Structure formats: C-alpha cells, structure tokens
Amino acid sequence: MNPGLRSSHHVDVSGANLQLDSFEELAIPLFDQLYNFAHWLTQNRDEAEDLVQETYIKALKGFSSFQLGTNFRAWIYRILRNTFLTSRKGLKVTMTVPLDFDEEEEGPEPAIERETPETLLLARSSHELLQKAIDELPVHFREILLLCEVEEMSYQEISETLAVPIGTVMSRLSRARQSLRNQLRPHSQQEAAPRIARGTNHGL
C-alpha cells in the first residue's frame, strides 16, 4: 500500500492506522486476483490497472462500512465490478447486454459436478484456444466463469459478489458453460477428425 496513504500529521491517528492496517492485511493478498478479474472484464492491461487502483481507493474510503468477520473477498470484488460497470466501457457493455437480467424463470440449476463433459472438453482444449473462446463470451458469462472456475468461489460468494440470488448464479453459470461449449466444440471436432481418419486406416 502506498505509504502516502498514511497520515503524516502529528495528531492521534492510532484508530485510523489500525483501520488501515486491517485493510492492508485483508486487501493486499488479493491484489493479483483482483487484477486478473479486472483484466478479464476490461480485456486491456492499462484499464485493468486503473480499475484495480480505483477499486482499492474506493474500498479504503468505504472500509468503515465493512463488517469485520464477513466475506471481505466478495465485498471488494463487488466494488471492483460495480466500478467497472460505471466506467465508460462498463456502461457500453450494459447498454448491449443487461448484466442482471432475470434468469430464475427456468428455475435453479442442480449443482454441477466438477467432472462434467464441459470440463473434459476444456481440459483437452489448448490454453490459447480456451482464452480466445472465453474472451469472446459476453461479460456476464465471462465474469461468472472466472469467479467459479479460476477464483474457485462458492455459489454463495458469487451471489454476494454479483448481488444476485444463488438461483441466478447457478442458471447463469450453466448458460455460460453451454456458450463456452458451443464455441469450443467445432474446434474439438476439427482436431478429432484427423485422429478418426488415422484410426480408420488401421489394418489397411
């Protein structure tokens, strides 16, 4: 944390310093994860850095409203996401695809096991291909895949981060995985075709 954030005035700031120390203890270990999330949202390194910096400033200013003992990670991720949504790029995204559209009409999806057809497909996909496919997803699908699969947040944490019901989290995650599958499947079939052809030639 920038030392300039600490007060240099010769007054009793023990309470403020204690609050800053608590904030740093909670926030600093999350820096890389927050930057990663910001980069996936903005798809631009400079914008991601600016977004993380603004998030830390807002979180520090509002830290007095945070209840110690509750989920700090979800709290600061929500600040980052809301900061993104009010940015120029974020506003452009929300004009094209509403992030909090109602998805509960279909009912909550059942809990999805880790070893699923889509996870097997992802495991077989190259990192570059997977990165490209995820980058092409709408931001509301991109963010939920990142929170679940990369940050390994629970449904409850994702619900707190996105400020949506758990049923919406499960439904949106299911749709995001389906969209990703649809993008990766043609590439997977193209890669499988030569192997099938080689297998057909056995014994000839």
Protein backbone atom coordinates (compact mmCIF):
# COMPACT_ATOMS: atom_id res chain seq x y z
CA MET A 1 0.00 0.00 0.00
CA ASN A 2 1.26 3.46 -0.86
CA PRO A 3 2.93 4.99 2.26
CA GLY A 4 1.39 8.28 1.23
CA LEU A 5 -1.95 6.92 2.37
CA ARG A 6 -0.78 7.10 5.96
CA SER A 7 -1.22 10.39 7.76
CA SER A 8 1.91 12.48 8.35
CA HIS A 9 0.20 14.93 10.72
CA HIS A 10 1.31 14.88 14.35
CA VAL A 11 -2.09 14.01 15.76
CA ASP A 12 -3.59 10.93 17.31
CA VAL A 13 -4.33 8.73 14.33
CA SER A 14 -3.99 5.38 16.09
CA GLY A 15 -7.56 4.46 15.21
CA ALA A 16 -7.05 5.40 11.56
CA ASN A 17 -3.77 3.50 11.42
CA LEU A 18 -5.39 0.43 12.97
CA GLN A 19 -8.11 0.58 10.32
CA LEU A 20 -5.54 0.97 7.54
CA ASP A 21 -3.51 -1.94 8.91
CA SER A 22 -6.63 -4.13 8.94
CA PHE A 23 -7.46 -3.07 5.39
CA GLU A 24 -3.95 -3.84 4.14
CA GLU A 25 -3.95 -7.22 5.84
CA LEU A 26 -7.15 -8.18 4.03
CA ALA A 27 -6.66 -6.40 0.70
CA ILE A 28 -3.02 -6.79 -0.29
CA PRO A 29 -3.11 -10.61 -0.66
CA LEU A 30 -5.98 -10.23 -3.16
CA PHE A 31 -4.15 -7.84 -5.50
CA ASP A 32 -3.17 -10.38 -8.17
CA GLN A 33 -6.61 -11.98 -8.15
CA LEU A 34 -8.32 -8.60 -8.46
CA TYR A 35 -6.05 -7.62 -11.33
CA ASN A 36 -6.80 -10.90 -13.08
CA PHE A 37 -10.54 -10.33 -12.70
CA ALA A 38 -10.20 -6.73 -13.88
CA HIS A 39 -8.21 -7.80 -16.94
CA TRP A 40 -10.83 -10.35 -17.92
CA LEU A 41 -13.52 -7.69 -17.61
CA THR A 42 -11.72 -4.89 -19.43
CA GLN A 43 -9.55 -7.01 -21.77
CA ASN A 44 -6.95 -4.27 -21.53
CA ARG A 45 -3.91 -4.15 -19.21
CA ASP A 46 -3.84 -0.40 -18.66
CA GLU A 47 -7.58 -0.26 -17.99
CA ALA A 48 -7.28 -3.22 -15.63
CA GLU A 49 -4.55 -1.48 -13.64
CA ASP A 50 -6.62 1.71 -13.42
CA LEU A 51 -9.68 -0.32 -12.38
CA VAL A 52 -7.80 -2.10 -9.58
CA GLN A 53 -6.30 1.17 -8.34
CA GLU A 54 -9.70 2.84 -8.26
CA THR A 55 -11.16 -0.21 -6.52
CA TYR A 56 -8.56 -0.03 -3.74
CA ILE A 57 -9.17 3.69 -3.25
CA LYS A 58 -12.93 3.20 -3.02
CA ALA A 59 -12.57 0.17 -0.76
CA LEU A 60 -10.24 2.03 1.62
CA LYS A 61 -12.60 5.02 1.79
CA GLY A 62 -15.56 2.74 2.46
CA PHE A 63 -13.77 0.28 4.72
CA SER A 64 -15.53 1.63 7.80
CA SER A 65 -18.76 0.18 6.39
CA PHE A 66 -17.25 -3.30 6.08
CA GLN A 67 -18.12 -5.65 8.92
CA LEU A 68 -15.00 -7.47 10.09
CA GLY A 69 -15.56 -11.22 10.09
CA THR A 70 -17.74 -11.18 6.97
CA ASN A 71 -16.59 -12.05 3.45
CA PHE A 72 -14.06 -9.37 2.51
CA ARG A 73 -13.19 -11.02 -0.81
CA ALA A 74 -16.78 -10.87 -2.06
CA TRP A 75 -17.06 -7.29 -0.73
CA ILE A 76 -14.03 -5.94 -2.63
CA TYR A 77 -14.82 -7.95 -5.77
CA ARG A 78 -18.26 -6.34 -5.76
CA ILE A 79 -16.64 -2.89 -5.52
CA LEU A 80 -14.40 -3.71 -8.48
CA ARG A 81 -17.30 -4.99 -10.55
CA ASN A 82 -19.51 -2.00 -9.74
CA THR A 83 -16.63 0.34 -10.56
CA PHE A 84 -16.25 -1.40 -13.91
CA LEU A 85 -19.99 -1.15 -14.63
CA THR A 86 -19.94 2.60 -14.07
CA SER A 87 -16.87 3.08 -16.27
CA ARG A 88 -17.17 4.07 -19.92
CA LYS A 89 -16.51 0.53 -21.12
CA GLY A 90 -18.81 -0.93 -18.48
CA LEU A 91 -21.64 1.37 -19.46
CA LYS A 92 -21.15 0.34 -23.07
CA VAL A 93 -21.47 -3.30 -22.03
CA THR A 94 -24.64 -2.73 -20.03
CA MET A 95 -26.20 -0.92 -22.98
CA THR A 96 -25.81 -4.04 -25.13
CA VAL A 97 -26.33 -6.86 -22.61
CA PRO A 98 -28.02 -6.31 -19.23
CA LEU A 99 -25.84 -7.99 -16.59
CA ASP A 100 -28.60 -8.69 -14.12
CA PHE A 101 -31.37 -9.95 -16.39
CA ASP A 102 -33.81 -12.27 -14.67
CA GLU A 103 -32.74 -15.88 -15.21
CA GLU A 104 -34.74 -17.56 -12.49
CA GLU A 105 -37.80 -18.24 -14.61
CA GLU A 106 -36.33 -21.57 -15.64
CA GLY A 107 -35.66 -22.45 -12.01
CA PRO A 108 -32.31 -23.05 -10.34
CA GLU A 109 -29.96 -25.50 -11.97
CA PRO A 110 -28.86 -28.54 -9.97
CA ALA A 111 -25.36 -28.46 -8.54
CA ILE A 112 -22.89 -29.26 -11.30
CA GLU A 113 -20.22 -31.82 -10.61
CA ARG A 114 -16.63 -30.82 -11.31
CA GLU A 115 -16.04 -33.73 -13.74
CA THR A 116 -18.52 -32.87 -16.50
CA PRO A 117 -18.40 -33.07 -20.31
CA GLU A 118 -17.54 -29.37 -20.48
CA THR A 119 -14.67 -29.68 -18.03
CA LEU A 120 -13.26 -32.58 -20.03
CA LEU A 121 -13.61 -30.51 -23.19
CA LEU A 122 -11.86 -27.60 -21.50
CA ALA A 123 -9.06 -29.86 -20.36
CA ARG A 124 -8.45 -31.02 -23.93
CA SER A 125 -8.54 -27.51 -25.34
CA SER A 126 -5.34 -25.56 -25.75
CA HIS A 127 -4.81 -22.60 -23.41
CA GLU A 128 -4.74 -20.18 -26.33
CA LEU A 129 -7.97 -21.54 -27.82
CA LEU A 130 -9.68 -21.50 -24.42
CA GLN A 131 -8.54 -17.94 -23.73
CA LYS A 132 -9.88 -16.78 -27.10
CA ALA A 133 -13.21 -18.55 -26.59
CA ILE A 134 -13.71 -17.04 -23.13
CA ASP A 135 -12.70 -13.57 -24.33
CA GLU A 136 -15.45 -13.75 -26.94
CA LEU A 137 -18.14 -14.51 -24.36
CA PRO A 138 -20.41 -11.69 -23.12
CA VAL A 139 -19.01 -10.13 -19.97
CA HIS A 140 -21.79 -11.53 -17.74
CA PHE A 141 -20.75 -15.05 -18.78
CA ARG A 142 -17.03 -14.28 -18.72
CA GLU A 143 -17.08 -12.96 -15.16
CA ILE A 144 -19.07 -15.83 -13.68
CA LEU A 145 -16.82 -18.45 -15.28
CA LEU A 146 -13.79 -16.65 -13.89
CA LEU A 147 -15.24 -16.39 -10.39
CA CYS A 148 -16.27 -20.06 -10.33
CA GLU A 149 -13.57 -21.87 -12.27
CA VAL A 150 -10.49 -19.68 -11.71
CA GLU A 151 -11.15 -17.98 -8.36
CA GLU A 152 -13.00 -21.10 -7.14
CA MET A 153 -15.64 -19.06 -5.35
CA SER A 154 -18.61 -20.84 -3.87
CA TYR A 155 -22.08 -20.10 -5.21
CA GLN A 156 -22.68 -18.07 -2.04
CA GLU A 157 -19.57 -15.94 -2.65
CA ILE A 158 -20.52 -15.38 -6.29
CA SER A 159 -24.02 -14.44 -5.18
CA GLU A 160 -22.57 -11.82 -2.79
CA THR A 161 -20.12 -10.55 -5.41
CA LEU A 162 -22.68 -10.14 -8.19
CA ALA A 163 -25.53 -9.17 -5.82
CA VAL A 164 -27.88 -11.74 -7.36
CA PRO A 165 -29.71 -14.75 -5.86
CA ILE A 166 -27.93 -18.12 -5.80
CA GLY A 167 -30.51 -19.48 -8.25
CA THR A 168 -29.48 -16.81 -10.74
CA VAL A 169 -25.81 -17.68 -10.19
CA MET A 170 -26.47 -21.34 -10.98
CA SER A 171 -28.59 -20.55 -14.03
CA ARG A 172 -26.13 -18.01 -15.41
CA LEU A 173 -23.20 -20.36 -14.84
CA SER A 174 -25.00 -23.13 -16.68
CA ARG A 175 -25.64 -20.82 -19.64
CA ALA A 176 -22.06 -19.60 -19.61
CA ARG A 177 -20.73 -23.16 -19.72
CA GLN A 178 -23.11 -24.01 -22.54
CA SER A 179 -21.98 -20.97 -24.53
CA LEU A 180 -18.35 -21.90 -23.99
CA ARG A 181 -19.03 -25.49 -25.04
CA ASN A 182 -20.70 -24.26 -28.21
CA GLN A 183 -17.66 -22.16 -29.08
CA LEU A 184 -15.13 -24.90 -28.35
CA ARG A 185 -16.95 -27.88 -29.87
CA PRO A 186 -16.26 -27.04 -33.57
CA HIS A 187 -12.53 -26.75 -32.80
CA SER A 188 -12.62 -30.01 -30.87
CA GLN A 189 -14.32 -31.77 -33.78
CA GLN A 190 -11.72 -30.40 -36.20
CA GLU A 191 -8.94 -31.76 -34.01
CA ALA A 192 -10.68 -35.13 -33.67
CA ALA A 193 -11.23 -35.61 -37.41
CA PRO A 194 -7.58 -36.47 -38.27
CA ARG A 195 -7.42 -38.92 -35.35
CA ILE A 196 -10.58 -40.65 -36.55
CA ALA A 197 -9.19 -40.81 -40.07
CA ARG A 198 -5.95 -42.35 -38.83
CA GLY A 199 -7.91 -44.91 -36.80
CA THR A 200 -9.93 -45.87 -39.88
CA ASN A 201 -6.76 -46.70 -41.79
CA HIS A 202 -5.59 -49.32 -39.26
CA GLY A 203 -5.13 -52.71 -40.87
CA LEU A 204 -5.14 -51.36 -44.43
